[in-house]
N, C-alpha and C. Protein backbone atom coordinates (compact mmCIF):
# COMPACT_ATOMS: atom_id res chain seq x y z
N UNK A 1 234.60 104.94 290.14
CA UNK A 1 234.36 103.74 289.36
C UNK A 1 234.42 102.54 290.31
N UNK A 2 233.42 101.69 290.21
CA UNK A 2 233.41 100.48 291.02
C UNK A 2 234.20 99.41 290.28
N UNK A 3 235.18 98.84 290.94
CA UNK A 3 235.98 97.79 290.32
C UNK A 3 235.52 96.44 290.87
N UNK A 4 235.47 95.45 289.97
CA UNK A 4 234.96 94.15 290.37
C UNK A 4 235.77 92.97 289.83
N UNK A 5 236.94 93.24 289.23
CA UNK A 5 237.69 92.14 288.64
C UNK A 5 239.15 92.50 288.43
N UNK A 6 239.94 91.48 288.24
CA UNK A 6 241.29 91.60 287.72
C UNK A 6 241.25 91.00 286.32
N UNK A 7 242.11 91.49 285.44
CA UNK A 7 242.16 90.95 284.08
C UNK A 7 243.60 90.68 283.68
N UNK A 8 243.74 89.88 282.64
CA UNK A 8 245.03 89.68 281.99
C UNK A 8 244.86 90.08 280.53
N UNK A 9 245.71 90.98 280.06
CA UNK A 9 245.71 91.36 278.65
C UNK A 9 246.82 90.57 277.97
N UNK A 10 246.44 89.81 276.93
CA UNK A 10 247.41 89.00 276.20
C UNK A 10 247.60 89.65 274.83
N UNK A 11 248.83 90.06 274.55
CA UNK A 11 249.15 90.75 273.30
C UNK A 11 250.07 89.90 272.44
N UNK A 12 249.85 89.98 271.14
CA UNK A 12 250.70 89.26 270.19
C UNK A 12 251.86 90.16 269.79
N UNK A 13 253.05 89.60 269.80
CA UNK A 13 254.22 90.32 269.31
C UNK A 13 254.94 89.43 268.31
N UNK A 14 255.62 90.04 267.35
CA UNK A 14 256.37 89.29 266.36
C UNK A 14 257.82 89.22 266.80
N UNK A 15 258.33 88.00 266.94
CA UNK A 15 259.72 87.79 267.34
C UNK A 15 260.59 87.77 266.08
N UNK A 16 261.40 88.81 265.93
CA UNK A 16 262.26 88.94 264.74
C UNK A 16 263.25 87.78 264.62
N UNK A 17 263.73 87.29 265.77
CA UNK A 17 264.72 86.21 265.76
C UNK A 17 264.15 84.90 265.23
N UNK A 18 263.01 84.50 265.77
CA UNK A 18 262.40 83.23 265.38
C UNK A 18 261.44 83.39 264.21
N UNK A 19 261.09 84.64 263.88
CA UNK A 19 260.15 84.95 262.81
C UNK A 19 258.78 84.33 263.06
N UNK A 20 258.39 84.29 264.34
CA UNK A 20 257.09 83.74 264.73
C UNK A 20 256.38 84.70 265.68
N UNK A 21 255.07 84.56 265.73
CA UNK A 21 254.29 85.32 266.70
C UNK A 21 254.45 84.71 268.08
N UNK A 22 254.55 85.56 269.08
CA UNK A 22 254.59 85.13 270.47
C UNK A 22 253.56 85.95 271.23
N UNK A 23 253.20 85.48 272.40
CA UNK A 23 252.19 86.16 273.19
C UNK A 23 252.76 86.53 274.55
N UNK A 24 252.45 87.76 274.99
CA UNK A 24 252.88 88.21 276.31
C UNK A 24 251.63 88.59 277.10
N UNK A 25 251.70 88.36 278.40
CA UNK A 25 250.54 88.61 279.26
C UNK A 25 250.88 89.66 280.30
N UNK A 26 249.91 90.54 280.56
CA UNK A 26 250.07 91.56 281.60
C UNK A 26 248.81 91.55 282.46
N UNK A 27 248.99 91.31 283.77
CA UNK A 27 247.87 91.30 284.71
C UNK A 27 247.60 92.73 285.17
N UNK A 28 246.33 93.11 285.18
CA UNK A 28 245.92 94.42 285.66
C UNK A 28 244.86 94.20 286.74
N UNK A 29 245.11 94.75 287.89
CA UNK A 29 244.21 94.55 289.03
C UNK A 29 243.27 95.75 289.17
N UNK A 30 242.04 95.47 289.60
CA UNK A 30 241.09 96.54 289.90
C UNK A 30 240.48 97.21 288.69
N UNK A 31 239.74 96.45 287.87
CA UNK A 31 239.06 97.02 286.72
C UNK A 31 237.55 96.81 286.87
N UNK A 32 236.79 97.49 286.03
CA UNK A 32 235.35 97.29 285.99
C UNK A 32 235.04 96.38 284.81
N UNK A 33 234.45 95.20 285.09
CA UNK A 33 234.15 94.20 284.06
C UNK A 33 232.64 94.10 283.91
N UNK A 34 232.15 94.19 282.66
CA UNK A 34 230.72 94.07 282.39
C UNK A 34 230.53 93.18 281.16
N UNK A 35 229.67 92.18 281.27
CA UNK A 35 229.35 91.31 280.14
C UNK A 35 227.84 91.31 279.93
N UNK A 36 227.43 91.28 278.67
CA UNK A 36 226.01 91.28 278.33
C UNK A 36 225.79 90.29 277.20
N UNK A 37 224.70 89.55 277.24
CA UNK A 37 224.35 88.60 276.19
C UNK A 37 223.35 89.27 275.25
N UNK A 38 223.66 89.24 273.97
CA UNK A 38 222.78 89.85 272.96
C UNK A 38 222.32 88.78 271.97
N UNK A 39 221.09 88.93 271.50
CA UNK A 39 220.55 88.02 270.48
C UNK A 39 219.69 88.81 269.52
N UNK A 40 219.69 88.38 268.25
CA UNK A 40 218.85 89.01 267.24
C UNK A 40 218.46 87.97 266.19
N UNK A 41 217.32 88.21 265.56
CA UNK A 41 216.85 87.32 264.51
C UNK A 41 216.98 88.05 263.19
N UNK A 42 217.65 87.41 262.25
CA UNK A 42 217.85 87.99 260.93
C UNK A 42 217.42 87.01 259.86
N UNK A 43 217.74 87.31 258.62
CA UNK A 43 217.38 86.44 257.50
C UNK A 43 218.00 85.06 257.62
N UNK A 44 219.18 84.99 258.21
CA UNK A 44 219.86 83.70 258.33
C UNK A 44 219.57 82.99 259.64
N UNK A 45 218.65 83.52 260.42
CA UNK A 45 218.27 82.87 261.68
C UNK A 45 218.72 83.65 262.89
N UNK A 46 218.76 82.94 264.01
CA UNK A 46 219.12 83.55 265.29
C UNK A 46 220.63 83.74 265.39
N UNK A 47 221.03 84.93 265.77
CA UNK A 47 222.44 85.22 266.03
C UNK A 47 222.55 85.68 267.47
N UNK A 48 223.56 85.18 268.15
CA UNK A 48 223.73 85.59 269.55
C UNK A 48 225.21 85.66 269.87
N UNK A 49 225.51 86.35 270.95
CA UNK A 49 226.89 86.47 271.38
C UNK A 49 227.01 87.34 272.61
N UNK A 50 228.15 87.25 273.22
CA UNK A 50 228.44 88.05 274.40
C UNK A 50 229.11 89.35 273.98
N UNK A 51 228.78 90.42 274.66
CA UNK A 51 229.40 91.72 274.47
C UNK A 51 230.11 92.06 275.78
N UNK A 52 231.37 92.43 275.70
CA UNK A 52 232.14 92.74 276.90
C UNK A 52 232.56 94.20 276.89
N UNK A 53 232.51 94.81 278.08
CA UNK A 53 232.99 96.18 278.27
C UNK A 53 233.83 96.19 279.53
N UNK A 54 235.07 96.63 279.40
CA UNK A 54 235.98 96.70 280.54
C UNK A 54 236.50 98.12 280.64
N UNK A 55 236.49 98.65 281.84
CA UNK A 55 237.06 99.98 282.08
C UNK A 55 238.27 99.81 282.98
N UNK A 56 239.42 100.28 282.50
CA UNK A 56 240.68 100.17 283.24
C UNK A 56 241.04 101.56 283.74
N UNK A 57 241.04 101.78 285.06
CA UNK A 57 241.40 103.10 285.57
C UNK A 57 242.80 103.50 285.12
N UNK A 58 242.95 104.74 284.69
CA UNK A 58 244.27 105.25 284.30
C UNK A 58 245.00 105.70 285.55
N UNK A 59 246.18 105.19 285.71
CA UNK A 59 247.00 105.50 286.87
C UNK A 59 248.40 105.79 286.35
N UNK A 60 249.03 106.82 286.88
CA UNK A 60 250.37 107.18 286.41
C UNK A 60 251.38 106.07 286.63
N UNK A 61 251.12 105.18 287.59
CA UNK A 61 252.06 104.10 287.89
C UNK A 61 251.88 102.89 286.98
N UNK A 62 250.82 102.85 286.20
CA UNK A 62 250.53 101.68 285.38
C UNK A 62 250.75 102.03 283.91
N UNK A 63 251.56 101.22 283.23
CA UNK A 63 251.80 101.39 281.80
C UNK A 63 250.97 100.34 281.06
N UNK A 64 249.89 100.77 280.43
CA UNK A 64 248.97 99.86 279.78
C UNK A 64 248.93 100.16 278.29
N UNK A 65 249.04 99.11 277.48
CA UNK A 65 248.88 99.24 276.05
C UNK A 65 247.83 98.23 275.61
N UNK A 66 246.80 98.71 274.93
CA UNK A 66 245.74 97.85 274.43
C UNK A 66 245.65 98.06 272.93
N UNK A 67 245.50 96.96 272.18
CA UNK A 67 245.37 97.04 270.73
C UNK A 67 244.22 96.16 270.26
N UNK A 68 243.66 96.49 269.10
CA UNK A 68 242.65 95.62 268.51
C UNK A 68 243.28 94.25 268.30
N UNK A 69 242.53 93.21 268.60
CA UNK A 69 243.03 91.85 268.44
C UNK A 69 243.64 91.26 269.69
N UNK A 70 243.92 92.10 270.70
CA UNK A 70 244.41 91.57 271.98
C UNK A 70 243.33 90.71 272.60
N UNK A 71 243.74 89.82 273.48
CA UNK A 71 242.81 88.97 274.22
C UNK A 71 242.75 89.49 275.65
N UNK A 72 241.53 89.66 276.16
CA UNK A 72 241.34 90.06 277.55
C UNK A 72 240.69 88.89 278.28
N UNK A 73 241.34 88.44 279.35
CA UNK A 73 240.85 87.31 280.13
C UNK A 73 240.50 87.81 281.52
N UNK A 74 239.35 87.40 282.03
CA UNK A 74 238.99 87.77 283.40
C UNK A 74 239.81 86.92 284.35
N UNK A 75 240.52 87.58 285.27
CA UNK A 75 241.33 86.89 286.25
C UNK A 75 242.81 87.01 285.95
N UNK A 76 243.61 86.47 286.86
CA UNK A 76 245.07 86.48 286.71
C UNK A 76 245.47 85.14 286.10
N UNK A 77 246.06 85.17 284.91
CA UNK A 77 246.51 83.93 284.29
C UNK A 77 247.97 84.06 283.88
N UNK A 78 248.60 82.93 283.70
CA UNK A 78 249.95 82.88 283.14
C UNK A 78 249.85 82.11 281.84
N UNK A 79 250.69 82.47 280.88
CA UNK A 79 250.69 81.76 279.62
C UNK A 79 252.07 81.16 279.38
N UNK A 80 252.11 80.16 278.49
CA UNK A 80 253.36 79.52 278.13
C UNK A 80 253.67 79.82 276.66
N UNK A 81 254.86 79.47 276.24
CA UNK A 81 255.25 79.72 274.84
C UNK A 81 254.40 78.94 273.86
N UNK A 82 253.86 77.81 274.30
CA UNK A 82 253.07 76.98 273.39
C UNK A 82 251.60 77.41 273.30
N UNK A 83 251.19 78.37 274.12
CA UNK A 83 249.80 78.82 274.10
C UNK A 83 249.46 79.54 272.80
N UNK A 84 248.24 79.31 272.35
CA UNK A 84 247.68 79.98 271.18
C UNK A 84 246.42 80.73 271.64
N UNK A 85 245.89 81.63 270.82
CA UNK A 85 244.65 82.30 271.23
C UNK A 85 243.55 81.31 271.63
N UNK A 86 243.46 80.21 270.90
CA UNK A 86 242.42 79.21 271.21
C UNK A 86 242.63 78.61 272.59
N UNK A 87 243.87 78.24 272.94
CA UNK A 87 244.11 77.64 274.25
C UNK A 87 244.01 78.67 275.37
N UNK A 88 244.36 79.91 275.07
CA UNK A 88 244.27 80.97 276.08
C UNK A 88 242.81 81.22 276.45
N UNK A 89 241.92 81.21 275.47
CA UNK A 89 240.52 81.53 275.70
C UNK A 89 239.67 80.34 276.14
N UNK A 90 240.19 79.14 275.94
CA UNK A 90 239.41 77.93 276.25
C UNK A 90 239.03 77.87 277.73
N UNK A 91 237.75 77.63 277.98
CA UNK A 91 237.22 77.46 279.33
C UNK A 91 237.46 78.67 280.24
N UNK A 92 237.58 79.85 279.65
CA UNK A 92 237.78 81.08 280.43
C UNK A 92 236.78 82.13 279.96
N UNK A 93 236.48 83.06 280.83
CA UNK A 93 235.68 84.21 280.43
C UNK A 93 236.66 85.18 279.78
N UNK A 94 236.59 85.26 278.45
CA UNK A 94 237.59 86.03 277.70
C UNK A 94 236.97 86.56 276.42
N UNK A 95 237.61 87.59 275.86
CA UNK A 95 237.15 88.15 274.60
C UNK A 95 238.31 88.74 273.83
N UNK A 96 238.06 88.98 272.54
CA UNK A 96 239.04 89.62 271.67
C UNK A 96 238.65 91.09 271.54
N UNK A 97 239.61 91.97 271.72
CA UNK A 97 239.37 93.41 271.66
C UNK A 97 238.98 93.81 270.24
N UNK A 98 237.81 94.46 270.11
CA UNK A 98 237.37 94.98 268.82
C UNK A 98 237.54 96.49 268.73
N UNK A 99 237.50 97.16 269.88
CA UNK A 99 237.74 98.60 269.91
C UNK A 99 238.09 99.04 271.32
N UNK A 100 238.67 100.22 271.40
CA UNK A 100 239.01 100.79 272.70
C UNK A 100 239.08 102.30 272.56
N UNK A 101 238.95 102.98 273.68
CA UNK A 101 239.09 104.43 273.68
C UNK A 101 239.67 104.86 275.02
N UNK A 102 240.28 106.03 275.02
CA UNK A 102 240.88 106.55 276.24
C UNK A 102 240.07 107.76 276.69
N UNK A 103 239.58 107.70 277.91
CA UNK A 103 238.84 108.81 278.50
C UNK A 103 239.80 109.49 279.48
N UNK A 104 240.48 110.53 279.02
CA UNK A 104 241.50 111.19 279.84
C UNK A 104 240.99 112.48 280.47
N UNK A 105 239.67 112.74 280.37
CA UNK A 105 239.10 113.94 280.97
C UNK A 105 238.28 113.58 282.19
N UNK A 106 238.06 114.55 283.02
CA UNK A 106 237.23 114.34 284.20
C UNK A 106 237.98 113.67 285.33
N UNK A 107 237.24 113.28 286.34
CA UNK A 107 237.88 112.72 287.53
C UNK A 107 238.06 111.21 287.46
N UNK A 108 237.37 110.53 286.53
CA UNK A 108 237.48 109.08 286.41
C UNK A 108 238.16 108.69 285.10
N UNK A 109 239.43 109.03 284.99
CA UNK A 109 240.18 108.73 283.78
C UNK A 109 240.32 107.21 283.64
N UNK A 110 240.07 106.71 282.41
CA UNK A 110 240.15 105.27 282.21
C UNK A 110 240.28 104.94 280.73
N UNK A 111 240.65 103.68 280.48
CA UNK A 111 240.64 103.12 279.13
C UNK A 111 239.39 102.25 279.04
N UNK A 112 238.60 102.46 278.01
CA UNK A 112 237.40 101.67 277.77
C UNK A 112 237.72 100.64 276.69
N UNK A 113 237.52 99.37 277.00
CA UNK A 113 237.84 98.28 276.08
C UNK A 113 236.55 97.52 275.77
N UNK A 114 236.29 97.30 274.48
CA UNK A 114 235.10 96.57 274.04
C UNK A 114 235.52 95.34 273.25
N UNK A 115 234.69 94.31 273.32
CA UNK A 115 234.98 93.12 272.53
C UNK A 115 233.87 92.11 272.55
N UNK A 116 234.07 91.06 271.75
CA UNK A 116 233.10 89.97 271.67
C UNK A 116 233.80 88.63 271.82
């Protein structure tokens, strides 16, 4: 697998103490990042958007958890307690995870992450 990027996965967790959502970030180095622009014409007019596909090599030394709704940002970023999904994604190449799968067979084991 050819790797061309580092990413940061931002996951939402519920803090029982404060009873609020918080966000945690995990940087993963050496992934395959692919983005494609799609457009279609329907009854309501032109619809367009970016489609993202990221492949994260599975390595015994890396503990990775991906869930629907997580935010994937291209590059290494840090977040603060005051960050929201909107501020995390602003002015960055980023997407929200819509699906993922684990390919644990063969010689190129990886997690496939899709989003828009």
